[in-house]
Amino acid sequence: MQAVASPNSSSRTAMLGFKMSLLLGGLMMVGGGIWYVAITGIVGSKKWDFMQYGLGSAVLAAAGALVIVLALIAFFTMPVFKPVSVPVRKDLLRDKFLYLMILPGILTVFVFSYMPMYGIVLAFKDYKIKSGIMFSQWCGLENFSRFFQRSVAKDVILNTLFIGVTQLLITFPVPIILALLLNELKSNKFRRVTQSIIYLPHFISWIIMFSLLFSLFSITSGAVNRLLMSVGLPTIDLLSNPDNFYGMLYGTSIWKEAGWGTIIYMAAIAGVDQEMYEAAHLDGATKWQQCIYITLPAIAFAVTTMLILSVGSVLGANFDQIMNLRTDATRSTVAQVIDTYIYDMGVDKGEYDLSTAIGLFQQVVNCILLFSSNFVVKKMSGEGFF
């Protein structure tokens, strides 16, 4: 007798076919887009024959879109998909307004975060403004080679790493310590007021921050230096002395962002079961022991998550901060990092292809650091971001 496939087996086979159809359609769309972009860069002329060069890639992408649409229609209409499609359809109908509410956010992310990624191709092109991004000639890895062959590349990368690593080591523990200290305050009103005061600087822009520092530490008109001169003490050259730049960088980071970071850790601490503290107190545990053995393990996931995200951006030093705090005396030495160098090359000098290549290199390294830090932390503590 011929074996008859069970309904579950048929459904699994159909679902596999549906997933493969979606994958195939997506690959066809992406492949058609890449083919189209690649051929325009090879031809390198706006007066090109679409029927000769672009029709094939356009048809491939359109066929991929058609495969996805047909697969979705089959998923919601064919009986074999009912065990899976019916719950999905019910969920869509039940929560249709919720899905409509998140739709603007999805569209915003797609338009402003994903569509601009098309500009990455500039890193591999000899960009000419007349030709535009699409019709500029391909140059392979020449832009990357241009950057690494420059003498300034080594200094910029090392300075970025130095600032990123030292800023992480110095500033990362501060919000945790502040959160632990605030948690020990007996008065809830005093704790809320203190927390509000320390995170208010987060809302001050770095431009205003520089204005405040200038009004306080300017050699000629700063209030602090005028006070020092009036009592016969030497002035503090905070803004233009390269030796003071790193200290100013770390100090302003702590003053501006430490209080805001405590919100995350205070929220994690608020979720700790208070009975654990009472039991530890009855057992004779001191406040320090309660902090070490109860509070810190309870917020370990929040700490590891923030650590992984911070390590993942080590090569991306705070652009807004450095860009606004640097002066003519420091911009070519201690205040020159990858982000500011990209700005100088792209905006000031118009080398858009070179600046895109440098930015792509930076983000690839940041991505590697993110996944590596997550892997290491997960192996060591069992807690990971993903």
Protein backbone atom coordinates (compact mmCIF):
# COMPACT_ATOMS: atom_id res chain seq x y z
CA MET A 1 0.00 0.00 0.00
CA GLN A 2 1.13 3.54 -0.77
CA ALA A 3 2.01 5.60 2.31
CA VAL A 4 -0.10 8.70 2.85
CA ALA A 5 1.62 11.80 4.22
CA SER A 6 0.19 12.99 7.54
CA PRO A 7 -1.32 16.51 7.82
CA ASN A 8 1.53 17.61 10.08
CA SER A 9 4.10 16.37 7.57
CA SER A 10 2.31 18.13 4.69
CA SER A 11 2.10 21.35 6.72
CA ARG A 12 5.81 21.23 7.58
CA THR A 13 6.71 20.61 3.93
CA ALA A 14 4.49 23.50 2.83
CA MET A 15 6.02 25.83 5.45
CA LEU A 16 9.50 24.89 4.27
CA GLY A 17 8.47 25.72 0.71
CA PHE A 18 6.98 29.04 1.87
CA LYS A 19 10.16 30.03 3.71
CA MET A 20 12.30 29.02 0.74
CA SER A 21 10.08 31.11 -1.55
CA LEU A 22 10.50 34.16 0.69
CA LEU A 23 14.26 33.60 0.80
CA LEU A 24 14.46 33.14 -2.97
CA GLY A 25 12.36 36.25 -3.62
CA GLY A 26 14.47 38.32 -1.24
CA LEU A 27 17.71 37.13 -2.85
CA MET A 28 16.34 37.91 -6.31
CA MET A 29 15.37 41.44 -5.25
CA VAL A 30 18.72 42.10 -3.57
CA GLY A 31 20.61 40.50 -6.43
CA GLY A 32 18.75 42.58 -8.99
CA GLY A 33 19.49 45.76 -7.04
CA ILE A 34 23.19 44.94 -6.68
CA TRP A 35 23.38 44.01 -10.36
CA TYR A 36 21.75 47.32 -11.33
CA VAL A 37 24.08 49.41 -9.13
CA ALA A 38 27.14 47.46 -10.28
CA ILE A 39 26.41 47.85 -13.99
CA THR A 40 25.84 51.60 -13.69
CA GLY A 41 29.25 52.01 -12.06
CA ILE A 42 30.90 49.90 -14.76
CA VAL A 43 29.28 51.80 -17.62
CA GLY A 44 29.92 55.07 -15.76
CA SER A 45 27.73 57.31 -17.88
CA LYS A 46 24.29 58.82 -17.37
CA LYS A 47 23.62 58.40 -21.11
CA TRP A 48 23.47 54.64 -20.94
CA ASP A 49 21.08 52.25 -22.63
CA PHE A 50 18.62 50.95 -20.01
CA MET A 51 17.24 48.29 -22.33
CA GLN A 52 20.75 46.94 -22.90
CA TYR A 53 22.21 47.20 -19.38
CA GLY A 54 19.45 47.74 -16.81
CA LEU A 55 16.48 45.72 -18.04
CA GLY A 56 17.82 42.34 -16.88
CA SER A 57 18.49 43.48 -13.32
CA ALA A 58 15.14 45.30 -13.11
CA VAL A 59 13.29 42.19 -14.30
CA LEU A 60 15.15 40.03 -11.77
CA ALA A 61 14.22 42.36 -8.88
CA ALA A 62 10.58 42.57 -10.06
CA ALA A 63 10.41 38.77 -10.34
CA GLY A 64 11.71 38.49 -6.77
CA ALA A 65 9.00 40.86 -5.53
CA LEU A 66 6.37 38.83 -7.43
CA VAL A 67 7.61 35.58 -5.83
CA ILE A 68 7.25 37.12 -2.34
CA VAL A 69 3.74 38.43 -3.09
CA LEU A 70 2.59 35.07 -4.50
CA ALA A 71 4.09 33.24 -1.50
CA LEU A 72 2.19 35.50 0.92
CA ILE A 73 -1.07 35.05 -1.02
CA ALA A 74 -0.60 31.27 -0.93
CA PHE A 75 0.16 31.39 2.80
CA PHE A 76 -3.13 33.09 3.63
CA THR A 77 -5.36 31.25 1.10
CA MET A 78 -4.17 27.64 0.70
CA PRO A 79 -5.72 25.07 3.11
CA VAL A 80 -2.39 23.39 3.81
CA PHE A 81 -1.18 26.55 5.60
CA LYS A 82 -4.30 26.90 7.80
CA PRO A 83 -2.72 25.54 11.02
CA VAL A 84 -0.19 28.38 10.87
CA SER A 85 -1.89 31.12 8.86
CA VAL A 86 -5.15 31.20 10.83
CA PRO A 87 -3.49 32.23 14.16
CA VAL A 88 -1.43 34.81 12.27
CA ARG A 89 -4.54 36.23 10.59
CA LYS A 90 -6.40 36.35 13.92
CA ASP A 91 -3.47 38.10 15.56
CA LEU A 92 -3.32 40.69 12.76
CA LEU A 93 -7.05 41.35 12.98
CA ARG A 94 -7.09 41.48 16.79
CA ASP A 95 -4.12 43.85 17.10
CA LYS A 96 -4.54 45.74 13.82
CA PHE A 97 -4.49 49.14 15.53
CA LEU A 98 -1.30 48.28 17.42
CA TYR A 99 0.37 47.28 14.16
CA LEU A 100 -0.84 50.51 12.56
CA MET A 101 0.70 52.43 15.46
CA ILE A 102 4.16 50.88 14.96
CA LEU A 103 3.98 51.25 11.18
CA PRO A 104 5.19 54.92 11.18
CA GLY A 105 8.16 53.90 13.34
CA ILE A 106 9.06 51.04 11.00
CA LEU A 107 8.79 53.34 7.98
CA THR A 108 10.92 55.99 9.72
CA VAL A 109 13.66 53.48 10.51
CA PHE A 110 13.54 52.15 6.95
CA VAL A 111 13.66 55.58 5.32
CA PHE A 112 16.26 57.21 7.56
CA SER A 113 18.37 54.23 8.66
CA TYR A 114 18.26 51.64 5.88
CA MET A 115 17.80 53.60 2.67
CA PRO A 116 20.87 55.83 3.33
CA MET A 117 22.96 52.64 3.52
CA TYR A 118 22.93 52.77 -0.28
CA GLY A 119 25.57 55.51 0.07
CA ILE A 120 28.06 52.90 1.32
CA VAL A 121 28.88 52.19 -2.34
CA LEU A 122 30.75 55.52 -2.34
CA ALA A 123 33.54 53.75 -0.44
CA PHE A 124 34.23 51.66 -3.53
CA LYS A 125 33.86 54.39 -6.17
CA ASP A 126 35.89 57.24 -7.59
CA TYR A 127 33.17 59.75 -6.83
CA LYS A 128 32.52 62.60 -9.25
CA ILE A 129 29.79 65.11 -8.43
CA LYS A 130 28.74 65.39 -12.07
CA SER A 131 28.31 61.63 -12.40
CA GLY A 132 26.59 61.18 -9.06
CA ILE A 133 26.78 58.16 -6.77
CA MET A 134 25.28 55.69 -9.22
CA PHE A 135 27.26 56.58 -12.33
CA SER A 136 30.68 57.18 -10.75
CA GLN A 137 33.29 54.60 -11.73
CA TRP A 138 34.17 51.71 -9.42
CA CYS A 139 37.65 51.80 -7.92
CA GLY A 140 37.59 48.75 -5.64
CA LEU A 141 39.54 49.18 -2.40
CA GLU A 142 41.52 52.19 -3.60
CA ASN A 143 39.88 54.58 -1.10
CA PHE A 144 40.79 52.30 1.81
CA SER A 145 44.35 52.08 0.51
CA ARG A 146 44.56 55.88 0.27
CA PHE A 147 43.59 56.25 3.91
CA PHE A 148 45.95 53.61 5.33
CA GLN A 149 48.86 54.93 3.26
CA ARG A 150 48.56 58.37 4.83
CA SER A 151 50.86 59.09 7.75
CA VAL A 152 48.00 60.54 9.76
CA ALA A 153 46.00 57.27 9.66
CA LYS A 154 48.04 55.56 12.39
CA ASP A 155 47.84 58.56 14.72
CA VAL A 156 44.09 58.98 14.18
CA ILE A 157 43.31 55.29 14.82
CA LEU A 158 45.56 55.04 17.89
CA ASN A 159 44.18 58.27 19.36
CA THR A 160 40.61 57.08 18.79
CA LEU A 161 41.37 53.76 20.50
CA PHE A 162 43.12 55.52 23.39
CA ILE A 163 40.20 57.90 23.99
CA GLY A 164 37.62 55.14 23.58
CA VAL A 165 39.31 52.67 25.94
CA THR A 166 40.28 55.19 28.63
CA GLN A 167 36.88 56.87 28.52
CA LEU A 168 35.24 53.46 28.94
CA LEU A 169 37.46 52.55 31.91
CA ILE A 170 37.02 55.91 33.64
CA THR A 171 33.39 56.80 32.95
CA PHE A 172 31.62 53.41 32.79
CA PRO A 173 31.74 52.59 36.54
CA VAL A 174 30.55 56.06 37.62
CA PRO A 175 26.79 55.60 36.92
CA ILE A 176 26.87 52.21 38.68
CA ILE A 177 28.51 53.73 41.77
CA LEU A 178 26.05 56.64 41.75
CA ALA A 179 23.09 54.25 41.49
CA LEU A 180 24.37 52.17 44.41
CA LEU A 181 24.88 55.29 46.52
CA LEU A 182 21.46 56.71 45.67
CA ASN A 183 19.87 53.38 46.54
CA GLU A 184 21.23 53.70 50.09
CA LEU A 185 19.59 57.07 50.73
CA LYS A 186 16.81 56.76 53.30
CA SER A 187 14.72 59.73 52.16
CA ASN A 188 12.86 59.02 48.91
CA LYS A 189 12.23 62.72 48.34
CA PHE A 190 15.91 63.60 48.76
CA ARG A 191 16.88 60.71 46.44
CA ARG A 192 14.49 61.87 43.71
CA VAL A 193 15.68 65.47 43.95
CA THR A 194 19.35 64.39 43.86
CA GLN A 195 18.76 62.11 40.90
CA SER A 196 16.96 64.87 38.99
CA ILE A 197 19.80 67.31 39.63
CA ILE A 198 22.57 64.96 38.47
CA TYR A 199 20.86 63.95 35.24
CA LEU A 200 19.80 67.45 34.19
CA PRO A 201 23.17 68.13 32.47
CA HIS A 202 22.26 65.39 29.96
CA PHE A 203 19.85 67.85 28.34
CA ILE A 204 22.56 70.46 27.78
CA SER A 205 24.04 70.28 24.28
CA TRP A 206 27.79 70.08 23.75
CA ILE A 207 27.71 73.50 22.08
CA ILE A 208 26.30 75.03 25.27
CA MET A 209 28.82 72.99 27.23
CA PHE A 210 31.69 74.60 25.30
CA SER A 211 30.15 78.03 25.87
CA LEU A 212 30.04 77.36 29.62
CA LEU A 213 33.67 76.19 29.65
CA PHE A 214 34.73 79.19 27.58
CA SER A 215 32.97 81.62 29.91
CA LEU A 216 34.65 79.97 32.90
CA PHE A 217 38.16 79.11 31.66
CA SER A 218 38.92 81.53 28.83
CA ILE A 219 42.41 82.97 29.34
CA THR A 220 41.27 86.52 28.64
CA SER A 221 37.69 86.69 29.96
CA GLY A 222 36.96 83.49 31.88
CA ALA A 223 35.45 83.97 35.34
CA VAL A 224 37.69 81.35 36.97
CA ASN A 225 40.89 82.70 35.42
CA ARG A 226 39.95 86.28 36.34
CA LEU A 227 39.47 85.16 39.94
CA LEU A 228 42.84 83.36 39.90
CA MET A 229 44.60 86.42 38.45
CA SER A 230 42.99 88.68 41.05
CA VAL A 231 44.57 86.63 43.86
CA GLY A 232 47.93 86.26 42.09
CA LEU A 233 47.59 82.58 41.10
CA PRO A 234 48.49 81.16 37.66
CA THR A 235 45.65 80.79 35.17
CA ILE A 236 44.30 77.46 33.89
CA ASP A 237 44.66 77.01 30.13
CA LEU A 238 41.97 74.35 29.86
CA LEU A 239 40.74 74.84 26.30
CA SER A 240 43.88 75.35 24.23
CA ASN A 241 46.47 73.32 26.12
CA PRO A 242 46.71 69.78 24.60
CA ASP A 243 47.90 68.40 27.95
CA ASN A 244 44.56 69.29 29.54
CA PHE A 245 42.35 68.01 26.72
CA TYR A 246 41.92 64.40 27.90
CA GLY A 247 41.10 65.48 31.45
CA MET A 248 38.51 67.93 30.13
CA LEU A 249 37.09 65.15 27.95
CA TYR A 250 36.63 62.68 30.81
CA GLY A 251 35.41 65.32 33.26
CA THR A 252 32.73 66.69 30.95
CA SER A 253 31.59 63.15 30.02
CA ILE A 254 31.07 62.26 33.68
CA TRP A 255 29.37 65.56 34.50
CA LYS A 256 27.01 65.38 31.51
CA GLU A 257 26.14 61.68 31.17
CA ALA A 258 26.80 59.90 34.48
CA GLY A 259 23.53 61.00 36.05
CA TRP A 260 21.53 59.95 33.01
CA GLY A 261 23.16 56.50 33.08
CA THR A 262 22.03 55.96 36.66
CA ILE A 263 18.40 55.78 35.48
CA ILE A 264 18.99 52.36 33.91
CA TYR A 265 20.71 50.96 36.99
CA MET A 266 18.20 52.50 39.40
CA ALA A 267 15.40 50.84 37.42
CA ALA A 268 17.22 47.50 37.67
CA ILE A 269 17.77 47.96 41.42
CA ALA A 270 14.07 48.78 41.90
CA GLY A 271 13.24 45.28 40.70
CA VAL A 272 15.27 43.57 43.42
CA ASP A 273 13.14 41.71 45.99
CA GLN A 274 13.30 43.68 49.25
CA GLU A 275 12.84 40.50 51.27
CA MET A 276 16.34 39.47 50.22
CA TYR A 277 17.76 42.56 51.95
CA GLU A 278 15.68 41.86 55.06
CA ALA A 279 16.86 38.26 55.20
CA ALA A 280 20.48 39.33 54.70
CA HIS A 281 20.11 41.93 57.48
CA LEU A 282 18.75 39.31 59.87
CA ASP A 283 21.72 37.10 59.02
CA GLY A 284 24.07 39.91 60.02
CA ALA A 285 25.12 41.10 56.55
CA THR A 286 26.49 44.62 56.40
CA LYS A 287 25.42 47.21 53.79
CA TRP A 288 28.61 46.52 51.84
CA GLN A 289 27.92 42.77 51.84
CA GLN A 290 24.32 43.33 50.75
CA CYS A 291 25.58 45.49 47.89
CA ILE A 292 28.17 42.91 46.78
CA TYR A 293 26.08 39.76 47.14
CA ILE A 294 22.55 41.00 46.38
CA THR A 295 22.44 44.29 44.48
CA LEU A 296 25.30 43.78 42.02
CA PRO A 297 24.26 40.23 40.99
CA ALA A 298 20.67 41.48 40.56
CA ILE A 299 21.71 44.21 38.12
CA ALA A 300 24.37 42.10 36.38
CA PHE A 301 22.34 41.83 33.16
CA ALA A 302 21.91 45.61 32.91
CA VAL A 303 25.63 46.13 33.57
CA THR A 304 26.73 43.54 30.99
CA THR A 305 24.32 44.92 28.40
CA MET A 306 25.62 48.47 28.82
CA LEU A 307 29.22 47.19 28.83
CA ILE A 308 28.74 45.30 25.57
CA LEU A 309 27.17 48.36 23.91
CA SER A 310 29.98 50.59 25.22
CA VAL A 311 32.72 48.24 23.98
CA GLY A 312 30.97 48.08 20.61
CA SER A 313 31.44 51.83 20.19
CA VAL A 314 35.03 52.11 21.42
CA LEU A 315 36.26 53.10 17.96
CA GLY A 316 33.45 55.61 17.64
CA ALA A 317 34.53 58.28 20.10
CA ASN A 318 31.87 60.86 20.97
CA PHE A 319 31.84 63.01 17.84
CA ASP A 320 29.62 65.78 19.23
CA GLN A 321 31.76 66.14 22.33
CA ILE A 322 35.15 66.23 20.61
CA MET A 323 33.92 68.30 17.68
CA ASN A 324 32.63 71.04 19.97
CA LEU A 325 35.39 70.96 22.59
CA ARG A 326 38.37 70.97 20.22
CA THR A 327 40.14 74.21 19.37
CA ASP A 328 42.70 75.24 16.76
CA ALA A 329 45.48 74.25 19.17
CA THR A 330 44.14 70.71 19.73
CA ARG A 331 42.28 69.80 16.52
CA SER A 332 45.35 68.43 14.71
CA THR A 333 46.78 66.48 17.68
CA VAL A 334 44.90 65.07 20.66
CA ALA A 335 41.43 66.09 19.38
CA GLN A 336 41.72 64.35 16.01
CA VAL A 337 39.81 61.06 16.01
CA ILE A 338 38.29 59.00 13.20
CA ASP A 339 34.91 60.77 13.40
CA THR A 340 36.40 64.25 13.22
CA TYR A 341 38.81 63.17 10.47
CA ILE A 342 35.82 61.89 8.46
CA TYR A 343 34.15 65.28 8.96
CA ASP A 344 37.29 67.14 7.87
CA MET A 345 37.74 64.99 4.77
CA GLY A 346 34.08 64.82 3.78
CA VAL A 347 32.55 68.17 4.71
CA ASP A 348 35.55 70.50 4.64
CA LYS A 349 37.50 69.00 1.72
CA GLY A 350 34.72 67.29 -0.23
CA GLU A 351 36.41 63.86 -0.41
CA TYR A 352 33.15 62.00 0.03
CA ASP A 353 34.41 58.67 -1.29
CA LEU A 354 37.41 58.65 1.07
CA SER A 355 35.37 59.71 4.11
CA THR A 356 32.77 57.01 3.34
CA ALA A 357 35.53 54.37 3.17
CA ILE A 358 36.94 55.49 6.54
CA GLY A 359 33.47 55.47 8.10
CA LEU A 360 32.77 51.98 6.74
CA PHE A 361 36.06 50.71 8.16
CA GLN A 362 35.17 52.23 11.54
CA GLN A 363 31.71 50.65 11.64
CA VAL A 364 33.01 47.22 10.60
CA VAL A 365 35.52 47.30 13.46
CA ASN A 366 32.80 48.47 15.88
CA CYS A 367 30.58 45.60 14.75
CA ILE A 368 33.39 43.10 15.32
CA LEU A 369 34.03 44.56 18.78
CA LEU A 370 30.31 44.35 19.61
CA PHE A 371 29.98 40.67 18.75
CA SER A 372 33.35 39.81 20.31
CA SER A 373 32.53 41.56 23.60
CA ASN A 374 29.13 39.86 23.71
CA PHE A 375 30.78 36.46 23.15
CA VAL A 376 33.42 37.02 25.84
CA VAL A 377 30.98 38.39 28.43
CA LYS A 378 28.52 35.57 27.75
CA LYS A 379 31.26 32.96 28.22
CA MET A 380 32.47 34.57 31.45
CA SER A 381 29.20 35.42 33.15
CA GLY A 382 26.50 33.58 31.25
CA GLU A 383 24.77 36.91 30.56
CA GLY A 384 24.80 38.37 27.05
CA PHE A 385 23.01 40.99 25.00
CA PHE A 386 21.97 38.45 22.38
